[in-house]
């Protein structure tokens, strides 16, 4: 459970990181930063900021290749993979004007199946 001391430590760490980035003239894309509360939501409102911008608390955070929810369930990520798979499979059926199953299966293996590895 996050308490005020943990939040202060976290804020101090973020301040150190932002000072280091400014010292080395590295920009921080604050609009791509957000806070994800894992577990139960508490009534204590803790505001986390980077530089002078307050970070928004979101129920789902999209990492590089994975959508992470606050309860750590994979439903959003799996839904995105299924949606992209359906889009690609429908595009294959629309674009290929062949009745040869081997060609369609090869196209499916090439374009749709790699989505599950992401």
C-alpha atoms as a PDB file:
ATOM      1  CA  UNK A   1       0.000   0.000   0.000  1.00  0.00           C
ATOM      2  CA  UNK A   2       1.365   3.385  -1.014  1.00  0.00           C
ATOM      3  CA  UNK A   3       1.644   5.832   1.848  1.00  0.00           C
ATOM      4  CA  UNK A   4       2.802   9.441   1.987  1.00  0.00           C
ATOM      5  CA  UNK A   5       6.429   8.471   2.661  1.00  0.00           C
ATOM      6  CA  UNK A   6       6.536   6.200  -0.396  1.00  0.00           C
ATOM      7  CA  UNK A   7       4.981   8.923  -2.542  1.00  0.00           C
ATOM      8  CA  UNK A   8       7.539  11.450  -1.300  1.00  0.00           C
ATOM      9  CA  UNK A   9      10.389   9.046  -2.063  1.00  0.00           C
ATOM     10  CA  UNK A  10       8.979   8.414  -5.522  1.00  0.00           C
ATOM     11  CA  UNK A  11       8.589  12.154  -6.169  1.00  0.00           C
ATOM     12  CA  UNK A  12      12.188  12.773  -4.998  1.00  0.00           C
ATOM     13  CA  UNK A  13      13.423  10.091  -7.402  1.00  0.00           C
ATOM     14  CA  UNK A  14      11.480  11.667 -10.276  1.00  0.00           C
ATOM     15  CA  UNK A  15      12.957  15.064  -9.395  1.00  0.00           C
ATOM     16  CA  UNK A  16      16.478  13.608  -9.492  1.00  0.00           C
ATOM     17  CA  UNK A  17      15.785  12.015 -12.883  1.00  0.00           C
ATOM     18  CA  UNK A  18      14.349  15.222 -14.336  1.00  0.00           C
ATOM     19  CA  UNK A  19      17.305  17.266 -12.989  1.00  0.00           C
ATOM     20  CA  UNK A  20      19.721  14.771 -14.557  1.00  0.00           C
ATOM     21  CA  UNK A  21      17.863  14.954 -17.881  1.00  0.00           C
ATOM     22  CA  UNK A  22      17.916  18.756 -17.862  1.00  0.00           C
ATOM     23  CA  UNK A  23      21.627  18.775 -16.982  1.00  0.00           C
ATOM     24  CA  UNK A  24      22.399  16.548 -19.990  1.00  0.00           C
ATOM     25  CA  UNK A  25      19.931  18.492 -22.191  1.00  0.00           C
ATOM     26  CA  UNK A  26      17.617  15.523 -22.649  1.00  0.00           C
ATOM     27  CA  UNK A  27      13.938  16.165 -23.009  1.00  0.00           C
ATOM     28  CA  UNK A  28      11.278  14.238 -21.139  1.00  0.00           C
ATOM     29  CA  UNK A  29       8.035  13.742 -23.056  1.00  0.00           C
ATOM     30  CA  UNK A  30       5.723  14.421 -20.153  1.00  0.00           C
ATOM     31  CA  UNK A  31       2.619  13.974 -22.331  1.00  0.00           C
ATOM     32  CA  UNK A  32       3.616  10.303 -22.744  1.00  0.00           C
ATOM     33  CA  UNK A  33       4.105   9.793 -19.008  1.00  0.00           C
ATOM     34  CA  UNK A  34       1.349   8.634 -16.691  1.00  0.00           C
ATOM     35  CA  UNK A  35       0.766   6.956 -13.345  1.00  0.00           C
ATOM     36  CA  UNK A  36      -0.697   3.456 -13.067  1.00  0.00           C
ATOM     37  CA  UNK A  37      -2.089   2.430  -9.680  1.00  0.00           C
ATOM     38  CA  UNK A  38      -1.706  -1.325  -9.359  1.00  0.00           C
ATOM     39  CA  UNK A  39      -4.176  -2.903  -6.984  1.00  0.00           C
ATOM     40  CA  UNK A  40      -6.949  -1.249  -5.059  1.00  0.00           C
ATOM     41  CA  UNK A  41      -7.652   2.435  -5.475  1.00  0.00           C
ATOM     42  CA  UNK A  42      -7.239   4.358  -2.254  1.00  0.00           C
ATOM     43  CA  UNK A  43      -9.034   7.465  -1.193  1.00  0.00           C
ATOM     44  CA  UNK A  44      -5.731   9.251  -0.613  1.00  0.00           C
ATOM     45  CA  UNK A  45      -5.025  11.576  -3.527  1.00  0.00           C
ATOM     46  CA  UNK A  46      -1.312  11.654  -4.295  1.00  0.00           C
ATOM     47  CA  UNK A  47      -0.118  14.004  -7.031  1.00  0.00           C
ATOM     48  CA  UNK A  48       3.025  12.973  -8.886  1.00  0.00           C
ATOM     49  CA  UNK A  49       4.756  15.488 -11.149  1.00  0.00           C
ATOM     50  CA  UNK A  50       7.697  15.585 -13.522  1.00  0.00           C
ATOM     51  CA  UNK A  51       9.388  18.962 -13.941  1.00  0.00           C
ATOM     52  CA  UNK A  52       6.302  21.179 -13.457  1.00  0.00           C
ATOM     53  CA  UNK A  53       3.684  18.924 -15.080  1.00  0.00           C
ATOM     54  CA  UNK A  54       1.330  16.770 -13.003  1.00  0.00           C
ATOM     55  CA  UNK A  55       1.070  13.205 -14.278  1.00  0.00           C
ATOM     56  CA  UNK A  56      -2.362  11.786 -14.991  1.00  0.00           C
ATOM     57  CA  UNK A  57      -3.487   8.581 -13.337  1.00  0.00           C
ATOM     58  CA  UNK A  58      -4.824   6.159 -15.939  1.00  0.00           C
ATOM     59  CA  UNK A  59      -6.576   2.786 -15.677  1.00  0.00           C
ATOM     60  CA  UNK A  60      -4.630   1.382 -18.668  1.00  0.00           C
ATOM     61  CA  UNK A  61      -1.052   2.203 -19.654  1.00  0.00           C
ATOM     62  CA  UNK A  62       0.327   1.211 -23.041  1.00  0.00           C
ATOM     63  CA  UNK A  63       3.920   0.113 -22.836  1.00  0.00           C
ATOM     64  CA  UNK A  64       6.091  -0.558 -25.895  1.00  0.00           C
ATOM     65  CA  UNK A  65       4.214  -3.697 -26.996  1.00  0.00           C
ATOM     66  CA  UNK A  66       1.816  -4.336 -24.142  1.00  0.00           C
ATOM     67  CA  UNK A  67      -1.264  -2.676 -22.675  1.00  0.00           C
ATOM     68  CA  UNK A  68      -1.108  -2.921 -18.897  1.00  0.00           C
ATOM     69  CA  UNK A  69      -4.210  -2.514 -16.729  1.00  0.00           C
ATOM     70  CA  UNK A  70      -4.270  -1.573 -13.075  1.00  0.00           C
ATOM     71  CA  UNK A  71      -5.406  -5.073 -12.072  1.00  0.00           C
ATOM     72  CA  UNK A  72      -2.638  -6.598 -14.275  1.00  0.00           C
ATOM     73  CA  UNK A  73      -5.179  -8.492 -16.405  1.00  0.00           C
ATOM     74  CA  UNK A  74      -4.248  -9.100 -20.051  1.00  0.00           C
ATOM     75  CA  UNK A  75      -7.719  -8.435 -21.512  1.00  0.00           C
ATOM     76  CA  UNK A  76      -6.933  -5.119 -23.206  1.00  0.00           C
ATOM     77  CA  UNK A  77      -3.722  -6.488 -24.722  1.00  0.00           C
ATOM     78  CA  UNK A  78      -5.406  -9.660 -25.989  1.00  0.00           C
ATOM     79  CA  UNK A  79      -8.296  -7.629 -27.395  1.00  0.00           C
ATOM     80  CA  UNK A  80      -5.869  -5.451 -29.362  1.00  0.00           C
ATOM     81  CA  UNK A  81      -4.099  -8.506 -30.807  1.00  0.00           C
ATOM     82  CA  UNK A  82      -7.430 -10.101 -31.799  1.00  0.00           C
ATOM     83  CA  UNK A  83      -8.631  -6.850 -33.394  1.00  0.00           C
ATOM     84  CA  UNK A  84      -5.436  -6.487 -35.451  1.00  0.00           C
ATOM     85  CA  UNK A  85      -5.581 -10.164 -36.435  1.00  0.00           C
ATOM     86  CA  UNK A  86      -9.158  -9.815 -37.687  1.00  0.00           C
ATOM     87  CA  UNK A  87      -8.222  -6.708 -39.656  1.00  0.00           C
ATOM     88  CA  UNK A  88      -5.297  -8.434 -41.344  1.00  0.00           C
ATOM     89  CA  UNK A  89      -7.232 -11.646 -42.041  1.00  0.00           C
ATOM     90  CA  UNK A  90     -10.072  -9.647 -43.617  1.00  0.00           C
ATOM     91  CA  UNK A  91      -7.557  -7.690 -45.706  1.00  0.00           C
ATOM     92  CA  UNK A  92      -6.066 -10.984 -46.935  1.00  0.00           C
ATOM     93  CA  UNK A  93      -9.496 -12.283 -47.931  1.00  0.00           C
ATOM     94  CA  UNK A  94     -10.311  -9.031 -49.749  1.00  0.00           C
ATOM     95  CA  UNK A  95      -6.947  -8.622 -51.514  1.00  0.00           C
ATOM     96  CA  UNK A  96      -6.161 -12.169 -52.603  1.00  0.00           C
ATOM     97  CA  UNK A  97      -8.405 -13.299 -55.461  1.00  0.00           C
ATOM     98  CA  UNK A  98      -7.317 -16.919 -55.359  1.00  0.00           C
ATOM     99  CA  UNK A  99      -9.176 -19.998 -54.256  1.00  0.00           C
ATOM    100  CA  UNK A 100      -5.975 -21.881 -53.500  1.00  0.00           C
ATOM    101  CA  UNK A 101      -6.018 -22.657 -49.789  1.00  0.00           C
ATOM    102  CA  UNK A 102      -2.226 -23.031 -49.670  1.00  0.00           C
ATOM    103  CA  UNK A 103      -1.747 -19.400 -50.765  1.00  0.00           C
ATOM    104  CA  UNK A 104      -4.278 -18.114 -48.218  1.00  0.00           C
ATOM    105  CA  UNK A 105      -2.759 -20.181 -45.416  1.00  0.00           C
ATOM    106  CA  UNK A 106       0.738 -18.919 -46.332  1.00  0.00           C
ATOM    107  CA  UNK A 107      -0.505 -15.310 -46.299  1.00  0.00           C
ATOM    108  CA  UNK A 108      -2.179 -15.896 -42.921  1.00  0.00           C
ATOM    109  CA  UNK A 109       0.995 -17.429 -41.472  1.00  0.00           C
ATOM    110  CA  UNK A 110       3.086 -14.565 -42.856  1.00  0.00           C
ATOM    111  CA  UNK A 111       0.894 -11.590 -41.907  1.00  0.00           C
ATOM    112  CA  UNK A 112      -1.442 -12.605 -39.078  1.00  0.00           C
ATOM    113  CA  UNK A 113       0.345 -15.181 -36.948  1.00  0.00           C
ATOM    114  CA  UNK A 114       3.309 -12.892 -36.028  1.00  0.00           C
ATOM    115  CA  UNK A 115       0.870 -10.680 -34.093  1.00  0.00           C
ATOM    116  CA  UNK A 116       0.630 -13.233 -31.304  1.00  0.00           C
ATOM    117  CA  UNK A 117       4.370 -12.910 -30.624  1.00  0.00           C
ATOM    118  CA  UNK A 118       4.067  -9.187 -29.912  1.00  0.00           C
END
